[in-house]
Amino acid sequence: MSASPYPALAPDGDGWRLSDESTEVVFDLATVRVLGATRLYEDADLRAAVREATDGALDQPWRFCFATQLSFQPPLMPGVGPASLSPTVVSSARRQFADDLRERGFRSVERHRSERMRTETGARARLTRYEAALPLTDALDGPSDRPADVAVEGWLSVWLADGQFRLAGGAYPTDGLDAVAPGVADDPGSYRNELLSVLRSA
């Protein structure tokens, strides 16, 4: 039996569920296409809690994480190691992650600091933080003193392991969700720690 093309990713906690598993072209480089095999998870319990608190007005993923294994088509030429493409892959992955957030409906997507992180296997990953806002005006009817946006923080990590590039990332609310969904508390500290733990283990 052949090995799965998808990276291992299993967030802790009962609330997470696999929402998508796909393989597609994630970006094009000068001479090759870069394919990504991705597993995407969402916090289904948080989604259900917000849906119930807003009488169904807000029903969407609020917290998600993913891992992607990259491959090249056509395969790299002999003598061309993946490490030589690292700067290009990292910059392309960062740009694609920001584009993906915008496609999900996030606005004011901004990239912030980058730092190094060690994965559980010892690989050195490049970790980048993002901030964004998720607009709620169209979803909530009538005048309200509730915020028009939910603030969101996202993280993306990129590393090379066993000759293959891996990407992992995700996002979570940091402020405003408790104001629009009574009884649903923002917990950005726990969300951040859980996501970074997932990124280290992906």
C-alpha atoms as a PDB file:
ATOM      1  CA  MET A   1       0.000   0.000   0.000  1.00  0.00           C
ATOM      2  CA  SER A   2       1.429   3.395  -0.967  1.00  0.00           C
ATOM      3  CA  ALA A   3       1.969   6.060   1.669  1.00  0.00           C
ATOM      4  CA  SER A   4      -0.599   8.821   2.001  1.00  0.00           C
ATOM      5  CA  PRO A   5       0.404  12.065   0.270  1.00  0.00           C
ATOM      6  CA  TYR A   6      -1.178  14.018   3.117  1.00  0.00           C
ATOM      7  CA  PRO A   7       0.804  15.183   6.133  1.00  0.00           C
ATOM      8  CA  ALA A   8      -0.190  13.893   9.535  1.00  0.00           C
ATOM      9  CA  LEU A   9      -2.303  16.383  11.420  1.00  0.00           C
ATOM     10  CA  ALA A  10      -4.512  15.581  14.387  1.00  0.00           C
ATOM     11  CA  PRO A  11      -5.402  18.544  16.633  1.00  0.00           C
ATOM     12  CA  ASP A  12      -6.043  17.690  20.275  1.00  0.00           C
ATOM     13  CA  GLY A  13      -9.577  17.944  21.576  1.00  0.00           C
ATOM     14  CA  ASP A  14     -12.931  16.482  20.631  1.00  0.00           C
ATOM     15  CA  GLY A  15     -14.213  19.629  18.943  1.00  0.00           C
ATOM     16  CA  TRP A  16     -11.958  19.468  15.910  1.00  0.00           C
ATOM     17  CA  ARG A  17     -13.173  17.827  12.721  1.00  0.00           C
ATOM     18  CA  LEU A  18     -11.654  17.248   9.294  1.00  0.00           C
ATOM     19  CA  SER A  19     -13.432  19.671   6.964  1.00  0.00           C
ATOM     20  CA  ASP A  20     -11.428  19.241   3.762  1.00  0.00           C
ATOM     21  CA  GLU A  21      -8.775  17.052   2.184  1.00  0.00           C
ATOM     22  CA  SER A  22      -7.522  18.119  -1.228  1.00  0.00           C
ATOM     23  CA  THR A  23      -4.607  18.185  -3.651  1.00  0.00           C
ATOM     24  CA  GLU A  24      -4.171  21.191  -5.917  1.00  0.00           C
ATOM     25  CA  VAL A  25      -1.651  23.592  -7.447  1.00  0.00           C
ATOM     26  CA  VAL A  26      -0.853  26.042  -4.669  1.00  0.00           C
ATOM     27  CA  PHE A  27       1.486  28.259  -6.676  1.00  0.00           C
ATOM     28  CA  ASP A  28       3.708  28.321  -9.753  1.00  0.00           C
ATOM     29  CA  LEU A  29       7.450  28.892  -9.748  1.00  0.00           C
ATOM     30  CA  ALA A  30       9.532  29.806 -12.780  1.00  0.00           C
ATOM     31  CA  THR A  31       9.989  26.272 -14.129  1.00  0.00           C
ATOM     32  CA  VAL A  32       7.713  24.041 -12.022  1.00  0.00           C
ATOM     33  CA  ARG A  33       4.250  23.903 -10.554  1.00  0.00           C
ATOM     34  CA  VAL A  34       4.012  23.324  -6.814  1.00  0.00           C
ATOM     35  CA  LEU A  35       1.299  20.884  -5.738  1.00  0.00           C
ATOM     36  CA  GLY A  36      -0.044  20.814  -2.211  1.00  0.00           C
ATOM     37  CA  ALA A  37      -1.751  17.900  -0.458  1.00  0.00           C
ATOM     38  CA  THR A  38      -3.687  19.535   2.376  1.00  0.00           C
ATOM     39  CA  ARG A  39      -5.694  18.491   5.399  1.00  0.00           C
ATOM     40  CA  LEU A  40      -7.883  21.215   6.898  1.00  0.00           C
ATOM     41  CA  TYR A  41      -9.546  21.029  10.316  1.00  0.00           C
ATOM     42  CA  GLU A  42     -12.031  23.374  11.981  1.00  0.00           C
ATOM     43  CA  ASP A  43     -13.222  23.770  15.559  1.00  0.00           C
ATOM     44  CA  ALA A  44     -16.761  22.452  15.111  1.00  0.00           C
ATOM     45  CA  ASP A  45     -17.709  22.998  18.766  1.00  0.00           C
ATOM     46  CA  LEU A  46     -16.880  26.717  18.588  1.00  0.00           C
ATOM     47  CA  ARG A  47     -18.806  27.048  15.339  1.00  0.00           C
ATOM     48  CA  ALA A  48     -21.855  25.375  16.879  1.00  0.00           C
ATOM     49  CA  ALA A  49     -21.676  27.565  19.998  1.00  0.00           C
ATOM     50  CA  VAL A  50     -21.595  30.777  17.959  1.00  0.00           C
ATOM     51  CA  ARG A  51     -24.383  29.544  15.687  1.00  0.00           C
ATOM     52  CA  GLU A  52     -26.598  28.803  18.678  1.00  0.00           C
ATOM     53  CA  ALA A  53     -25.778  32.093  20.428  1.00  0.00           C
ATOM     54  CA  THR A  54     -26.671  34.113  17.325  1.00  0.00           C
ATOM     55  CA  ASP A  55     -29.793  32.118  16.374  1.00  0.00           C
ATOM     56  CA  GLY A  56     -28.069  30.898  13.225  1.00  0.00           C
ATOM     57  CA  ALA A  57     -27.004  34.358  11.965  1.00  0.00           C
ATOM     58  CA  LEU A  58     -23.318  33.462  12.222  1.00  0.00           C
ATOM     59  CA  ASP A  59     -22.489  29.994  10.966  1.00  0.00           C
ATOM     60  CA  GLN A  60     -18.916  29.660   9.710  1.00  0.00           C
ATOM     61  CA  PRO A  61     -15.511  28.379  10.817  1.00  0.00           C
ATOM     62  CA  TRP A  62     -13.988  30.615  13.502  1.00  0.00           C
ATOM     63  CA  ARG A  63     -10.905  28.582  14.260  1.00  0.00           C
ATOM     64  CA  PHE A  64      -9.071  26.373  11.777  1.00  0.00           C
ATOM     65  CA  CYS A  65      -5.726  24.722  11.180  1.00  0.00           C
ATOM     66  CA  PHE A  66      -4.153  22.916   8.251  1.00  0.00           C
ATOM     67  CA  ALA A  67      -1.028  21.118   7.108  1.00  0.00           C
ATOM     68  CA  THR A  68       0.208  20.811   3.528  1.00  0.00           C
ATOM     69  CA  GLN A  69       2.888  18.659   1.951  1.00  0.00           C
ATOM     70  CA  LEU A  70       4.374  20.137  -1.222  1.00  0.00           C
ATOM     71  CA  SER A  71       5.634  18.356  -4.319  1.00  0.00           C
ATOM     72  CA  PHE A  72       6.976  19.608  -7.646  1.00  0.00           C
ATOM     73  CA  GLN A  73       5.645  18.947 -11.124  1.00  0.00           C
ATOM     74  CA  PRO A  74       7.731  18.098 -13.041  1.00  0.00           C
ATOM     75  CA  PRO A  75      10.146  16.750 -10.396  1.00  0.00           C
ATOM     76  CA  LEU A  76      13.216  18.846  -9.736  1.00  0.00           C
ATOM     77  CA  MET A  77      16.156  18.270 -12.051  1.00  0.00           C
ATOM     78  CA  PRO A  78      19.056  16.158 -10.739  1.00  0.00           C
ATOM     79  CA  GLY A  79      21.409  18.374  -8.807  1.00  0.00           C
ATOM     80  CA  VAL A  80      18.702  20.868  -7.886  1.00  0.00           C
ATOM     81  CA  GLY A  81      17.973  20.388  -4.208  1.00  0.00           C
ATOM     82  CA  PRO A  82      14.779  21.634  -2.551  1.00  0.00           C
ATOM     83  CA  ALA A  83      16.819  23.794  -0.163  1.00  0.00           C
ATOM     84  CA  SER A  84      17.894  25.991  -3.078  1.00  0.00           C
ATOM     85  CA  LEU A  85      14.228  26.905  -3.606  1.00  0.00           C
ATOM     86  CA  SER A  86      13.552  27.658   0.049  1.00  0.00           C
ATOM     87  CA  PRO A  87      13.439  31.498  -0.187  1.00  0.00           C
ATOM     88  CA  THR A  88      11.069  31.332  -3.170  1.00  0.00           C
ATOM     89  CA  VAL A  89       8.822  28.717  -1.559  1.00  0.00           C
ATOM     90  CA  VAL A  90       8.658  30.644   1.728  1.00  0.00           C
ATOM     91  CA  SER A  91       7.737  33.950   0.078  1.00  0.00           C
ATOM     92  CA  SER A  92       5.182  32.259  -2.203  1.00  0.00           C
ATOM     93  CA  ALA A  93       3.622  30.386   0.733  1.00  0.00           C
ATOM     94  CA  ARG A  94       3.302  33.590   2.770  1.00  0.00           C
ATOM     95  CA  ARG A  95       1.626  35.373  -0.113  1.00  0.00           C
ATOM     96  CA  GLN A  96      -0.725  32.439  -0.754  1.00  0.00           C
ATOM     97  CA  PHE A  97      -1.717  32.209   2.919  1.00  0.00           C
ATOM     98  CA  ALA A  98      -2.695  35.897   2.917  1.00  0.00           C
ATOM     99  CA  ASP A  99      -4.668  35.368  -0.304  1.00  0.00           C
ATOM    100  CA  ASP A 100      -6.432  32.355   1.227  1.00  0.00           C
ATOM    101  CA  LEU A 101      -7.492  34.450   4.230  1.00  0.00           C
ATOM    102  CA  ARG A 102      -8.949  37.072   1.894  1.00  0.00           C
ATOM    103  CA  GLU A 103     -10.826  34.385  -0.028  1.00  0.00           C
ATOM    104  CA  ARG A 104     -12.349  33.259   3.269  1.00  0.00           C
ATOM    105  CA  GLY A 105     -13.746  36.760   3.744  1.00  0.00           C
ATOM    106  CA  PHE A 106     -11.083  38.260   5.990  1.00  0.00           C
ATOM    107  CA  ARG A 107     -10.194  41.912   5.466  1.00  0.00           C
ATOM    108  CA  SER A 108      -7.228  44.120   6.386  1.00  0.00           C
ATOM    109  CA  VAL A 109      -4.886  41.125   6.204  1.00  0.00           C
ATOM    110  CA  GLU A 110      -1.432  42.204   7.387  1.00  0.00           C
ATOM    111  CA  ARG A 111       1.756  40.192   7.728  1.00  0.00           C
ATOM    112  CA  HIS A 112       3.793  40.841  10.838  1.00  0.00           C
ATOM    113  CA  ARG A 113       6.929  39.451  12.403  1.00  0.00           C
ATOM    114  CA  SER A 114       8.667  36.227  11.451  1.00  0.00           C
ATOM    115  CA  GLU A 115      10.649  33.996  13.783  1.00  0.00           C
ATOM    116  CA  ARG A 116      12.209  30.559  13.971  1.00  0.00           C
ATOM    117  CA  MET A 117      10.511  27.549  15.484  1.00  0.00           C
ATOM    118  CA  ARG A 118      11.645  23.972  16.074  1.00  0.00           C
ATOM    119  CA  THR A 119       9.223  21.215  15.118  1.00  0.00           C
ATOM    120  CA  GLU A 120       8.921  18.093  17.227  1.00  0.00           C
ATOM    121  CA  THR A 121      11.127  16.286  14.696  1.00  0.00           C
ATOM    122  CA  GLY A 122      13.871  18.881  15.113  1.00  0.00           C
ATOM    123  CA  ALA A 123      13.362  20.699  11.802  1.00  0.00           C
ATOM    124  CA  ARG A 124      13.739  24.463  11.804  1.00  0.00           C
ATOM    125  CA  ALA A 125      10.583  26.182  10.591  1.00  0.00           C
ATOM    126  CA  ARG A 126       9.991  29.785   9.600  1.00  0.00           C
ATOM    127  CA  LEU A 127       6.974  31.054  11.512  1.00  0.00           C
ATOM    128  CA  THR A 128       5.057  34.160  10.399  1.00  0.00           C
ATOM    129  CA  ARG A 129       2.233  35.977  12.188  1.00  0.00           C
ATOM    130  CA  TYR A 130      -0.749  37.648  10.497  1.00  0.00           C
ATOM    131  CA  GLU A 131      -3.544  39.891  11.686  1.00  0.00           C
ATOM    132  CA  ALA A 132      -6.911  40.324   9.988  1.00  0.00           C
ATOM    133  CA  ALA A 133     -10.535  41.260  10.602  1.00  0.00           C
ATOM    134  CA  LEU A 134     -13.672  39.299   9.840  1.00  0.00           C
ATOM    135  CA  PRO A 135     -16.537  41.702   9.004  1.00  0.00           C
ATOM    136  CA  LEU A 136     -19.939  40.943  10.525  1.00  0.00           C
ATOM    137  CA  THR A 137     -22.049  43.890   9.384  1.00  0.00           C
ATOM    138  CA  ASP A 138     -23.899  41.983   6.674  1.00  0.00           C
ATOM    139  CA  ALA A 139     -24.640  39.019   8.937  1.00  0.00           C
ATOM    140  CA  LEU A 140     -26.147  40.881  11.887  1.00  0.00           C
ATOM    141  CA  ASP A 141     -29.468  42.646  11.325  1.00  0.00           C
ATOM    142  CA  GLY A 142     -30.563  45.921  12.835  1.00  0.00           C
ATOM    143  CA  PRO A 143     -28.751  48.629  14.812  1.00  0.00           C
ATOM    144  CA  SER A 144     -26.397  47.351  17.444  1.00  0.00           C
ATOM    145  CA  ASP A 145     -23.573  48.468  19.684  1.00  0.00           C
ATOM    146  CA  ARG A 146     -21.772  45.229  18.875  1.00  0.00           C
ATOM    147  CA  PRO A 147     -18.476  45.465  16.967  1.00  0.00           C
ATOM    148  CA  ALA A 148     -18.580  45.366  13.181  1.00  0.00           C
ATOM    149  CA  ASP A 149     -15.574  43.025  13.022  1.00  0.00           C
ATOM    150  CA  VAL A 150     -13.991  40.154  14.867  1.00  0.00           C
ATOM    151  CA  ALA A 151     -10.226  40.506  15.168  1.00  0.00           C
ATOM    152  CA  VAL A 152      -8.276  37.453  14.023  1.00  0.00           C
ATOM    153  CA  GLU A 153      -4.693  36.263  14.362  1.00  0.00           C
ATOM    154  CA  GLY A 154      -3.118  33.731  12.023  1.00  0.00           C
ATOM    155  CA  TRP A 155       0.182  31.865  11.861  1.00  0.00           C
ATOM    156  CA  LEU A 156       2.003  30.115   9.029  1.00  0.00           C
ATOM    157  CA  SER A 157       5.031  27.840   9.347  1.00  0.00           C
ATOM    158  CA  VAL A 158       7.214  26.559   6.501  1.00  0.00           C
ATOM    159  CA  TRP A 159       9.984  23.986   6.803  1.00  0.00           C
ATOM    160  CA  LEU A 160      11.925  21.324   4.950  1.00  0.00           C
ATOM    161  CA  ALA A 161      11.826  17.747   6.234  1.00  0.00           C
ATOM    162  CA  ASP A 162      13.161  14.619   4.527  1.00  0.00           C
ATOM    163  CA  GLY A 163      13.654  16.559   1.311  1.00  0.00           C
ATOM    164  CA  GLN A 164      10.052  17.818   1.201  1.00  0.00           C
ATOM    165  CA  PHE A 165       8.537  21.165   2.043  1.00  0.00           C
ATOM    166  CA  ARG A 166       5.777  21.263   4.620  1.00  0.00           C
ATOM    167  CA  LEU A 167       3.390  24.088   5.417  1.00  0.00           C
ATOM    168  CA  ALA A 168       1.155  24.357   8.446  1.00  0.00           C
ATOM    169  CA  GLY A 169      -0.957  27.190   9.730  1.00  0.00           C
ATOM    170  CA  GLY A 170      -4.266  28.389  11.010  1.00  0.00           C
ATOM    171  CA  ALA A 171      -6.190  31.267  12.527  1.00  0.00           C
ATOM    172  CA  TYR A 172      -8.423  32.060  15.504  1.00  0.00           C
ATOM    173  CA  PRO A 173     -10.416  35.007  16.909  1.00  0.00           C
ATOM    174  CA  THR A 174      -8.665  37.345  19.330  1.00  0.00           C
ATOM    175  CA  ASP A 175     -11.314  39.975  20.090  1.00  0.00           C
ATOM    176  CA  GLY A 176     -14.971  40.728  19.422  1.00  0.00           C
ATOM    177  CA  LEU A 177     -16.481  37.261  19.236  1.00  0.00           C
ATOM    178  CA  ASP A 178     -17.806  37.375  22.802  1.00  0.00           C
ATOM    179  CA  ALA A 179     -19.573  40.654  22.028  1.00  0.00           C
ATOM    180  CA  VAL A 180     -21.536  39.254  19.083  1.00  0.00           C
ATOM    181  CA  ALA A 181     -22.142  35.788  20.522  1.00  0.00           C
ATOM    182  CA  PRO A 182     -23.226  36.087  24.171  1.00  0.00           C
ATOM    183  CA  GLY A 183     -21.822  33.327  26.316  1.00  0.00           C
ATOM    184  CA  VAL A 184     -19.021  32.474  23.875  1.00  0.00           C
ATOM    185  CA  ALA A 185     -15.785  33.748  25.386  1.00  0.00           C
ATOM    186  CA  ASP A 186     -12.733  34.814  23.437  1.00  0.00           C
ATOM    187  CA  ASP A 187      -9.709  32.849  24.617  1.00  0.00           C
ATOM    188  CA  PRO A 188      -6.869  34.006  22.334  1.00  0.00           C
ATOM    189  CA  GLY A 189      -4.110  32.841  24.680  1.00  0.00           C
ATOM    190  CA  SER A 190      -5.325  29.245  24.685  1.00  0.00           C
ATOM    191  CA  TYR A 191      -6.118  29.379  20.966  1.00  0.00           C
ATOM    192  CA  ARG A 192      -2.581  30.597  20.217  1.00  0.00           C
ATOM    193  CA  ASN A 193      -0.911  27.949  22.367  1.00  0.00           C
ATOM    194  CA  GLU A 194      -3.004  25.161  20.856  1.00  0.00           C
ATOM    195  CA  LEU A 195      -2.306  26.280  17.293  1.00  0.00           C
ATOM    196  CA  LEU A 196       1.445  26.610  17.840  1.00  0.00           C
ATOM    197  CA  SER A 197       1.448  23.146  19.412  1.00  0.00           C
ATOM    198  CA  VAL A 198      -0.267  21.794  16.280  1.00  0.00           C
ATOM    199  CA  LEU A 199       2.273  23.538  14.038  1.00  0.00           C
ATOM    200  CA  ARG A 200       5.175  21.991  15.955  1.00  0.00           C
ATOM    201  CA  SER A 201       3.694  18.513  15.624  1.00  0.00           C
ATOM    202  CA  ALA A 202       2.553  18.686  11.967  1.00  0.00           C
END
